[in-house]
Protein backbone atom coordinates (compact mmCIF):
# COMPACT_ATOMS: atom_id res chain seq x y z
CA UNK A 1 151.13 -138.95 -22.64
CA UNK A 2 149.13 -136.35 -24.61
CA UNK A 3 145.88 -137.87 -23.35
CA UNK A 4 147.09 -137.34 -19.80
CA UNK A 5 147.98 -133.72 -20.60
CA UNK A 6 144.54 -133.18 -22.17
CA UNK A 7 142.88 -134.55 -19.03
CA UNK A 8 144.96 -132.31 -16.77
CA UNK A 9 144.01 -129.26 -18.85
CA UNK A 10 140.35 -130.20 -19.00
CA UNK A 11 137.89 -128.44 -16.71
CA UNK A 12 135.54 -131.39 -16.55
CA UNK A 13 137.70 -134.56 -16.51
CA UNK A 14 136.30 -136.85 -13.81
CA UNK A 15 138.01 -139.33 -11.52
CA UNK A 16 136.66 -142.06 -13.78
CA UNK A 17 138.27 -140.36 -16.78
CA UNK A 18 141.67 -140.32 -15.08
CA UNK A 19 141.28 -143.91 -13.91
CA UNK A 20 140.55 -144.96 -17.50
CA UNK A 21 143.70 -143.36 -18.94
CA UNK A 22 146.39 -145.74 -20.08
CA UNK A 23 149.63 -145.46 -18.13
CA UNK A 24 152.58 -145.03 -20.53
CA UNK A 25 155.31 -147.64 -20.30
CA UNK A 26 157.95 -144.89 -20.33
CA UNK A 27 158.23 -141.19 -19.57
CA UNK A 28 160.77 -138.36 -19.75
CA UNK A 29 162.68 -137.55 -16.59
CA UNK A 30 165.58 -135.34 -15.53
CA UNK A 31 168.31 -137.64 -14.26
CA UNK A 32 171.94 -138.28 -13.48
CA UNK A 33 173.75 -141.38 -14.76
CA UNK A 34 175.83 -143.78 -12.73
CA UNK A 35 178.45 -144.06 -15.48
CA UNK A 36 179.15 -140.31 -15.12
CA UNK A 37 179.74 -140.20 -11.36
CA UNK A 38 183.44 -139.41 -11.80
CA UNK A 39 182.97 -136.72 -14.47
CA UNK A 40 183.84 -133.86 -12.09
CA UNK A 41 186.65 -135.66 -10.25
CA UNK A 42 189.38 -133.30 -9.07
CA UNK A 43 187.31 -130.15 -9.67
CA UNK A 44 186.34 -127.65 -6.99
CA UNK A 45 182.60 -127.56 -6.26
CA UNK A 46 182.24 -124.05 -7.65
CA UNK A 47 183.61 -125.19 -11.01
CA UNK A 48 181.25 -128.16 -11.44
CA UNK A 49 178.41 -127.61 -13.90
CA UNK A 50 175.08 -129.36 -13.18
CA UNK A 51 173.92 -128.69 -16.73
CA UNK A 52 176.52 -131.25 -17.89
CA UNK A 53 175.50 -134.01 -15.47
CA UNK A 54 171.71 -133.63 -15.62
CA UNK A 55 170.03 -135.16 -18.66
CA UNK A 56 166.41 -135.35 -19.79
CA UNK A 57 165.67 -138.72 -21.35
CA UNK A 58 163.15 -141.56 -21.53
CA UNK A 59 163.01 -144.04 -18.65
CA UNK A 60 160.71 -147.02 -17.98
CA UNK A 61 157.63 -146.36 -15.85
CA UNK A 62 158.15 -148.30 -12.60
CA UNK A 63 155.60 -150.75 -11.26
CA UNK A 64 153.45 -149.24 -8.52
CA UNK A 65 153.85 -150.77 -5.07
CA UNK A 66 151.63 -151.01 -2.00
CA UNK A 67 150.86 -147.68 -0.36
CA UNK A 68 152.13 -145.71 -3.36
CA UNK A 69 150.68 -143.33 -5.91
CA UNK A 70 151.67 -142.61 -9.51
CA UNK A 71 151.34 -138.89 -10.18
CA UNK A 72 151.21 -137.10 -13.52
CA UNK A 73 153.54 -134.19 -12.80
CA UNK A 74 152.35 -130.86 -14.13
CA UNK A 75 155.25 -128.92 -12.55
CA UNK A 76 158.20 -129.35 -10.22
CA UNK A 77 160.99 -127.16 -8.80
CA UNK A 78 164.74 -126.97 -8.25
CA UNK A 79 166.14 -127.47 -4.76
CA UNK A 80 169.66 -127.52 -3.36
CA UNK A 81 169.49 -131.30 -3.10
CA UNK A 82 169.12 -131.26 -6.89
CA UNK A 83 172.40 -129.33 -6.99
CA UNK A 84 174.12 -131.81 -4.65
CA UNK A 85 172.88 -134.74 -6.72
CA UNK A 86 174.16 -133.16 -9.93
CA UNK A 87 177.58 -132.44 -8.40
CA UNK A 88 177.84 -136.00 -7.02
CA UNK A 89 178.74 -134.56 -3.63
CA UNK A 90 179.23 -134.94 -0.76
CA UNK A 91 178.60 -138.48 -2.02
CA UNK A 92 177.00 -139.92 -5.13
CA UNK A 93 173.27 -140.48 -4.65
CA UNK A 94 173.71 -143.89 -6.27
CA UNK A 95 175.04 -144.99 -2.90
CA UNK A 96 171.63 -144.11 -1.41
CA UNK A 97 169.78 -145.98 -4.15
CA UNK A 98 171.89 -149.13 -3.72
CA UNK A 99 171.46 -149.09 0.04
CA UNK A 100 167.72 -148.61 -0.29
CA UNK A 101 167.48 -151.27 -2.97
CA UNK A 102 168.84 -153.91 -0.60
CA UNK A 103 166.07 -153.39 1.93
CA UNK A 104 163.15 -155.05 0.12
CA UNK A 105 161.85 -156.41 -3.15
CA UNK A 106 159.89 -153.22 -3.81
CA UNK A 107 162.80 -150.97 -2.86
CA UNK A 108 164.98 -152.81 -5.40
CA UNK A 109 163.16 -150.86 -8.14
CA UNK A 110 165.05 -147.75 -7.04
CA UNK A 111 168.50 -149.23 -7.66
CA UNK A 112 168.94 -148.24 -11.30
CA UNK A 113 171.92 -146.96 -13.33
CA UNK A 114 170.03 -143.67 -13.54
CA UNK A 115 168.48 -141.46 -10.88
CA UNK A 116 165.40 -139.37 -11.72
CA UNK A 117 165.73 -136.42 -9.36
CA UNK A 118 163.42 -133.80 -7.89
CA UNK A 119 161.83 -133.37 -4.45
CA UNK A 120 158.83 -131.20 -5.36
CA UNK A 121 155.76 -131.67 -7.54
CA UNK A 122 152.26 -130.50 -8.29
CA UNK A 123 150.10 -132.76 -10.41
CA UNK A 124 147.24 -135.23 -10.63
CA UNK A 125 147.01 -138.74 -9.22
CA UNK A 126 146.85 -141.33 -12.02
CA UNK A 127 146.94 -144.58 -10.07
CA UNK A 128 147.15 -145.76 -6.48
CA UNK A 129 148.69 -148.97 -5.21
CA UNK A 130 147.16 -151.57 -2.88
CA UNK A 131 146.12 -150.22 0.50
CA UNK A 132 145.65 -146.58 -0.56
CA UNK A 133 142.20 -145.27 0.41
CA UNK A 134 142.52 -141.50 0.95
CA UNK A 135 143.64 -140.55 -2.57
CA UNK A 136 142.08 -141.45 -5.90
CA UNK A 137 142.84 -140.91 -9.61
CA UNK A 138 142.01 -137.33 -10.57
CA UNK A 139 142.97 -135.79 -7.21
CA UNK A 140 145.02 -132.61 -7.66
CA UNK A 141 147.94 -132.79 -5.28
CA UNK A 142 151.30 -131.51 -4.19
CA UNK A 143 153.87 -133.74 -2.51
CA UNK A 144 156.21 -133.33 0.41
CA UNK A 145 159.49 -135.20 0.17
CA UNK A 146 159.61 -137.42 3.27
CA UNK A 147 159.65 -141.12 2.42
CA UNK A 148 159.34 -143.39 5.47
CA UNK A 149 158.81 -147.11 6.08
CA UNK A 150 157.71 -146.94 9.79
CA UNK A 151 158.47 -150.59 10.44
CA UNK A 152 160.55 -149.77 13.51
CA UNK A 153 159.32 -147.88 16.61
CA UNK A 154 161.78 -145.01 16.10
CA UNK A 155 159.58 -142.89 13.87
CA UNK A 156 156.23 -143.27 15.54
CA UNK A 157 156.62 -140.14 17.66
CA UNK A 158 158.26 -138.10 14.89
CA UNK A 159 158.52 -139.73 11.47
CA UNK A 160 161.72 -137.82 10.74
CA UNK A 161 163.34 -140.11 13.31
CA UNK A 162 162.35 -143.27 11.45
CA UNK A 163 165.40 -145.46 10.87
CA UNK A 164 164.35 -145.85 7.22
CA UNK A 165 163.59 -142.15 6.61
CA UNK A 166 164.66 -140.89 3.20
CA UNK A 167 164.25 -137.75 1.12
CA UNK A 168 162.23 -138.61 -1.98
CA UNK A 169 163.94 -137.67 -5.23
CA UNK A 170 167.31 -137.42 -3.48
CA UNK A 171 167.70 -140.67 -1.57
CA UNK A 172 165.04 -142.42 -3.65
CA UNK A 173 164.43 -142.70 -7.38
CA UNK A 174 161.50 -141.59 -9.59
CA UNK A 175 161.46 -138.01 -8.27
CA UNK A 176 159.42 -134.99 -9.28
CA UNK A 177 161.50 -133.65 -12.17
CA UNK A 178 159.77 -135.79 -14.75
CA UNK A 179 156.47 -136.34 -16.49
CA UNK A 180 155.54 -139.01 -13.95
CA UNK A 181 156.60 -139.63 -10.36
CA UNK A 182 156.15 -142.37 -7.78
CA UNK A 183 155.46 -141.26 -4.21
CA UNK A 184 154.13 -142.84 -1.06
CA UNK A 185 150.49 -141.92 -0.52
CA UNK A 186 151.39 -140.29 2.81
CA UNK A 187 153.48 -137.75 0.91
CA UNK A 188 150.43 -136.29 -0.81
CA UNK A 189 148.66 -133.06 0.18
CA UNK A 190 145.93 -131.03 -1.53
CA UNK A 191 147.03 -128.58 -4.20
CA UNK A 192 146.22 -124.95 -3.25
CA UNK A 193 143.33 -124.11 -5.56
CA UNK A 194 144.29 -120.46 -6.10
CA UNK A 195 147.77 -121.25 -7.43
CA UNK A 196 149.11 -122.25 -10.81
CA UNK A 197 150.80 -125.62 -11.19
CA UNK A 198 154.30 -124.12 -11.02
CA UNK A 199 153.46 -121.90 -8.04
CA UNK A 200 152.00 -124.84 -6.15
CA UNK A 201 155.01 -127.03 -6.96
CA UNK A 202 157.66 -124.72 -5.56
CA UNK A 203 156.77 -124.72 -1.85
CA UNK A 204 156.69 -128.34 -0.65
CA UNK A 205 160.29 -128.86 0.38
CA UNK A 206 161.39 -125.40 1.51
CA UNK A 207 158.18 -124.26 3.19
CA UNK A 208 157.93 -127.48 5.19
CA UNK A 209 161.62 -127.28 6.11
CA UNK A 210 161.27 -123.69 7.30
CA UNK A 211 158.11 -124.57 9.26
CA UNK A 212 159.83 -127.35 11.21
CA UNK A 213 162.98 -125.29 11.63
CA UNK A 214 161.25 -122.22 13.07
CA UNK A 215 157.74 -123.02 14.25
CA UNK A 216 157.63 -126.67 15.30
CA UNK A 217 158.51 -127.91 18.76
CA UNK A 218 161.01 -130.12 16.89
CA UNK A 219 162.82 -126.95 15.82
CA UNK A 220 163.21 -123.57 17.46
CA UNK A 221 159.62 -123.22 18.75
CA UNK A 222 159.46 -119.57 17.65
CA UNK A 223 157.21 -117.28 19.69
CA UNK A 224 155.87 -113.76 19.30
CA UNK A 225 158.52 -111.08 19.67
CA UNK A 226 161.48 -113.36 18.95
CA UNK A 227 164.28 -111.75 16.95
CA UNK A 228 165.04 -114.22 14.16
CA UNK A 229 168.20 -113.90 12.05
CA UNK A 230 167.52 -115.42 8.63
CA UNK A 231 170.42 -116.17 6.34
CA UNK A 232 169.59 -116.05 2.64
CA UNK A 233 166.22 -114.43 3.25
CA UNK A 234 165.73 -113.80 -0.46
CA UNK A 235 166.34 -117.43 -1.43
CA UNK A 236 164.09 -120.48 -1.43
CA UNK A 237 164.24 -121.47 2.24
CA UNK A 238 164.76 -117.99 3.65
CA UNK A 239 161.83 -116.44 1.79
CA UNK A 240 159.42 -118.85 3.47
CA UNK A 241 161.14 -118.45 6.84
CA UNK A 242 160.67 -114.69 6.54
CA UNK A 243 156.94 -115.10 5.95
CA UNK A 244 156.58 -117.55 8.84
CA UNK A 245 158.43 -115.18 11.16
CA UNK A 246 156.24 -112.24 10.17
CA UNK A 247 153.03 -114.29 10.46
CA UNK A 248 154.08 -115.59 13.88
CA UNK A 249 154.71 -112.15 15.36
CA UNK A 250 158.49 -112.50 15.34
CA UNK A 251 160.98 -109.88 14.18
CA UNK A 252 163.02 -111.14 11.22
CA UNK A 253 166.49 -109.77 10.53
CA UNK A 254 166.98 -110.70 6.88
CA UNK A 255 170.45 -111.27 5.47
CA UNK A 256 170.51 -111.05 1.66
CA UNK A 257 173.17 -111.01 -1.03
CA UNK A 258 172.11 -108.08 -3.23
CA UNK A 259 169.87 -105.04 -3.48
CA UNK A 260 167.18 -106.85 -5.49
CA UNK A 261 166.69 -109.43 -2.75
CA UNK A 262 166.69 -106.64 -0.16
CA UNK A 263 163.80 -104.97 -1.99
CA UNK A 264 161.85 -108.23 -2.14
CA UNK A 265 162.07 -109.01 1.59
CA UNK A 266 161.19 -105.40 2.41
CA UNK A 267 158.15 -105.70 0.14
CA UNK A 268 157.19 -108.83 2.11
CA UNK A 269 157.09 -106.68 5.25
CA UNK A 270 160.56 -107.23 6.72
CA UNK A 271 162.07 -103.90 7.72
CA UNK A 272 165.39 -105.10 9.17
CA UNK A 273 167.68 -106.08 6.29
CA UNK A 274 171.43 -106.63 5.98
CA UNK A 275 172.84 -106.60 2.45
CA UNK A 276 176.06 -108.63 2.53
CA UNK A 277 177.19 -107.19 -0.80
CA UNK A 278 177.12 -103.65 0.57
CA UNK A 279 178.49 -104.38 4.03
CA UNK A 280 181.12 -106.88 2.87
CA UNK A 281 181.47 -109.14 5.89
CA UNK A 282 184.56 -111.36 5.71
CA UNK A 283 184.07 -114.05 8.34
CA UNK A 284 187.11 -115.97 7.09
CA UNK A 285 190.67 -114.88 6.38
CA UNK A 286 192.14 -117.70 4.39
CA UNK A 287 191.66 -120.85 6.47
CA UNK A 288 191.08 -118.97 9.75
CA UNK A 289 187.93 -117.30 11.02
CA UNK A 290 187.88 -113.59 11.78
CA UNK A 291 186.19 -112.86 15.14
CA UNK A 292 186.45 -109.11 14.52
CA UNK A 293 183.94 -109.54 11.71
CA UNK A 294 181.63 -111.54 13.99
CA UNK A 295 181.62 -108.54 16.33
CA UNK A 296 181.00 -106.08 13.51
CA UNK A 297 178.11 -108.24 12.32
CA UNK A 298 176.66 -108.53 15.82
CA UNK A 299 176.89 -104.77 16.30
CA UNK A 300 175.01 -104.25 13.03
CA UNK A 301 172.22 -106.55 14.20
CA UNK A 302 171.94 -104.62 17.47
CA UNK A 303 171.78 -101.35 15.53
CA UNK A 304 168.77 -102.69 13.64
CA UNK A 305 166.97 -104.26 16.61
CA UNK A 306 167.53 -101.53 19.16
CA UNK A 307 170.18 -103.46 21.06
CA UNK A 308 168.78 -106.99 20.95
CA UNK A 309 170.63 -110.11 19.84
CA UNK A 310 168.82 -112.84 17.88
CA UNK A 311 166.75 -115.31 19.89
CA UNK A 312 166.91 -117.67 16.92
CA UNK A 313 169.36 -117.98 14.02
CA UNK A 314 168.06 -119.86 10.99
CA UNK A 315 171.20 -121.54 9.65
CA UNK A 316 171.70 -123.26 6.31
CA UNK A 317 174.85 -121.79 4.64
CA UNK A 318 177.03 -123.78 7.04
CA UNK A 319 180.77 -123.36 7.00
CA UNK A 320 180.99 -119.73 5.88
CA UNK A 321 178.53 -118.40 8.46
CA UNK A 322 178.31 -120.83 11.36
CA UNK A 323 180.96 -119.24 13.55
CA UNK A 324 179.26 -115.87 13.21
CA UNK A 325 175.85 -117.43 13.89
CA UNK A 326 176.97 -118.96 17.19
CA UNK A 327 178.61 -115.69 18.24
CA UNK A 328 175.66 -113.35 17.56
CA UNK A 329 172.93 -115.53 19.12
CA UNK A 330 171.67 -114.16 22.40
CA UNK A 331 172.42 -115.83 25.74
CA UNK A 332 170.17 -118.89 25.95
CA UNK A 333 169.26 -118.57 22.29
CA UNK A 334 169.03 -121.17 19.57
CA UNK A 335 170.93 -121.84 16.35
CA UNK A 336 168.79 -124.18 14.24
CA UNK A 337 170.50 -125.70 11.21
CA UNK A 338 169.06 -127.69 8.32
CA UNK A 339 171.82 -127.64 5.70
CA UNK A 340 175.38 -126.66 4.82
CA UNK A 341 175.30 -125.23 1.33
CA UNK A 342 178.75 -123.64 1.68
CA UNK A 343 180.44 -126.63 3.34
CA UNK A 344 179.75 -129.33 5.91
CA UNK A 345 182.76 -128.86 8.20
CA UNK A 346 181.61 -126.16 10.63
CA UNK A 347 183.87 -124.25 12.99
CA UNK A 348 182.86 -122.04 15.89
CA UNK A 349 184.26 -120.84 19.20
CA UNK A 350 182.64 -123.14 21.73
CA UNK A 351 183.12 -120.67 24.57
CA UNK A 352 180.30 -118.56 23.14
CA UNK A 353 178.07 -121.62 23.11
CA UNK A 354 178.62 -123.30 26.46
CA UNK A 355 179.30 -120.22 28.60
CA UNK A 356 176.19 -118.48 27.26
CA UNK A 357 173.94 -121.57 27.39
CA UNK A 358 173.10 -121.45 23.70
CA UNK A 359 171.71 -124.46 21.84
CA UNK A 360 172.36 -125.91 18.40
CA UNK A 361 169.42 -127.86 17.01
CA UNK A 362 169.62 -129.95 13.88
CA UNK A 363 166.46 -130.24 11.78
CA UNK A 364 165.90 -132.05 8.53
CA UNK A 365 162.89 -131.43 6.33
CA UNK A 366 159.63 -132.13 8.22
CA UNK A 367 157.24 -134.88 9.23
CA UNK A 368 153.87 -135.33 7.51
CA UNK A 369 151.99 -133.31 10.12
CA UNK A 370 154.44 -130.39 9.87
CA UNK A 371 154.37 -130.50 6.07
CA UNK A 372 150.57 -130.61 6.08
CA UNK A 373 150.38 -127.58 8.40
CA UNK A 374 152.85 -125.68 6.22
CA UNK A 375 150.79 -126.49 3.12
CA UNK A 376 147.60 -125.48 4.96
CA UNK A 377 149.03 -122.00 5.44
CA UNK A 378 149.53 -121.74 1.70
CA UNK A 379 146.02 -123.06 0.97
CA UNK A 380 144.64 -120.37 3.29
CA UNK A 381 146.68 -117.63 1.61
CA UNK A 382 148.70 -116.87 4.75
CA UNK A 383 152.00 -117.90 3.15
CA UNK A 384 152.67 -117.31 -0.53
CA UNK A 385 154.88 -119.09 -3.05
CA UNK A 386 158.18 -117.41 -3.78
CA UNK A 387 158.46 -118.52 -7.40
CA UNK A 388 160.68 -116.19 -9.41
CA UNK A 389 161.42 -118.06 -12.65
CA UNK A 390 159.85 -120.93 -14.55
CA UNK A 391 161.62 -123.09 -17.14
CA UNK A 392 160.77 -126.14 -19.18
CA UNK A 393 161.90 -129.64 -18.25
CA UNK A 394 164.63 -129.56 -20.90
CA UNK A 395 166.12 -126.49 -19.17
CA UNK A 396 166.21 -128.08 -15.71
CA UNK A 397 169.97 -128.68 -15.89
CA UNK A 398 170.74 -125.06 -16.72
CA UNK A 399 168.34 -123.90 -13.98
CA UNK A 400 170.10 -126.14 -11.46
CA UNK A 401 173.43 -124.63 -12.50
CA UNK A 402 172.01 -121.16 -11.86
CA UNK A 403 170.89 -122.21 -8.37
CA UNK A 404 174.37 -123.65 -7.77
CA UNK A 405 175.84 -120.24 -8.65
CA UNK A 406 173.29 -118.47 -6.41
CA UNK A 407 171.96 -116.53 -9.36
CA UNK A 408 168.35 -117.23 -8.40
CA UNK A 409 165.88 -115.37 -6.22
CA UNK A 410 163.22 -117.37 -4.40
CA UNK A 411 162.37 -120.64 -6.16
CA UNK A 412 162.86 -121.83 -9.72
CA UNK A 413 159.89 -123.77 -11.11
CA UNK A 414 159.98 -126.41 -13.85
CA UNK A 415 157.11 -127.23 -16.21
CA UNK A 416 156.85 -130.98 -16.75
CA UNK A 417 153.49 -131.88 -18.34
CA UNK A 418 151.97 -128.40 -18.10
CA UNK A 419 152.51 -126.93 -21.59
CA UNK A 420 152.64 -123.32 -20.38
CA UNK A 421 153.01 -121.32 -17.20
CA UNK A 422 149.90 -119.84 -15.62
CA UNK A 423 147.66 -122.92 -15.81
CA UNK A 424 145.92 -124.83 -13.03
CA UNK A 425 144.12 -122.05 -11.12
CA UNK A 426 140.69 -123.10 -9.85
CA UNK A 427 139.87 -120.44 -7.24
CA UNK A 428 140.19 -117.18 -9.18
CA UNK A 429 138.43 -115.10 -6.53
CA UNK A 430 140.95 -115.96 -3.82
CA UNK A 431 143.80 -115.44 -6.25
CA UNK A 432 142.59 -111.95 -7.18
CA UNK A 433 142.34 -111.07 -3.49
CA UNK A 434 145.90 -112.22 -2.75
CA UNK A 435 147.62 -110.63 -5.72
CA UNK A 436 150.25 -109.21 -6.03
CA UNK A 437 151.74 -111.11 -3.05
CA UNK A 438 151.53 -114.42 -4.94
CA UNK A 439 153.61 -113.14 -7.86
CA UNK A 440 155.91 -110.81 -5.93
CA UNK A 441 159.11 -112.75 -6.67
CA UNK A 442 158.28 -113.32 -10.34
CA UNK A 443 157.54 -109.66 -10.90
CA UNK A 444 160.81 -108.61 -9.26
CA UNK A 445 162.71 -111.12 -11.42
CA UNK A 446 161.17 -109.71 -14.59
């Protein structure tokens, strides 16, 4: 493994050099174990500790299949699906691996008593499987997390609709939180040359998700002048959504949880900010929703926008906020949801939906084209990584626990093979031009 690290750190290692490297028969990965699925049984979600269920240990290097690439992972990142995996909820991910494993001989590799997690990476291609022509050993890449088979017609208009669509590292094994990772070649994209490994690794999942959710015709189709309410604007998904809204000529209304996150989104250029901690909205009273608080929240939005309601609400908290989101959306507006981090059972007053011709759109990650376009914006320096903290692979469990407790700002990066933060920059001129926007979240965190 050290020879691989040396090649990654080298300024002059060629494609031939990478192709000549021996592939280790094992590697270290961050994983959950099937024999521990019941360890949190009977506990409330908030009391479960991902640092107890996530382990870093040696696992066998899987055989590479057709259309796949083996990537030496310099850095990865924590996502909410890492949290869900570690909590074994809403279901154990071993159910996904078993179901996938039954589909083919190659898919059977994924059905293991361990699950190497992680849906982001930045690294270098080590090997490619049969049929791969676009990517070669030595290519510096990032990966998006859509794994598709495309053997049925369903996904050929939008690959997210493929009947065998899965999220890599969540519904498949051999994810990005490890020294090596197996991906399909059509998950790979070029690494932004002006970013460090950990900065490049932190954008794949959330930036692509936000792009489809807001910009794509498969999501809200945001246009110039739209008022966009963004929940969790200082977090991983919301921080990219805020940038996309600003770049697209929309007017973001950023909802954040503390003063630090309010300062960050204001520094990004968002002037309309609601700090939940200061304004103390209580959308629920026990097990019943509180419409009076929806009205107070809506009035606050109108105060900020000069009387306008949101054209688009970017939803991902789910249960705690969904009733308010439906209420405050303008007549004919759109609530676009991609997650339910506070609970999957949503409740809202349907009168405000049907009588005001509002729409609820479900989106889930992004297709390859959408992910590529989102990554292109980063390569061009139009969208910046929102990395706040970087930890080593051995600290991935504790970092996931911090994300579970919402103690993070932006994204949390994880060094895998990269020995230190700050490595991997090739285009120093572009980086100097774009600073301090690239490191905005990290500087606020420090």
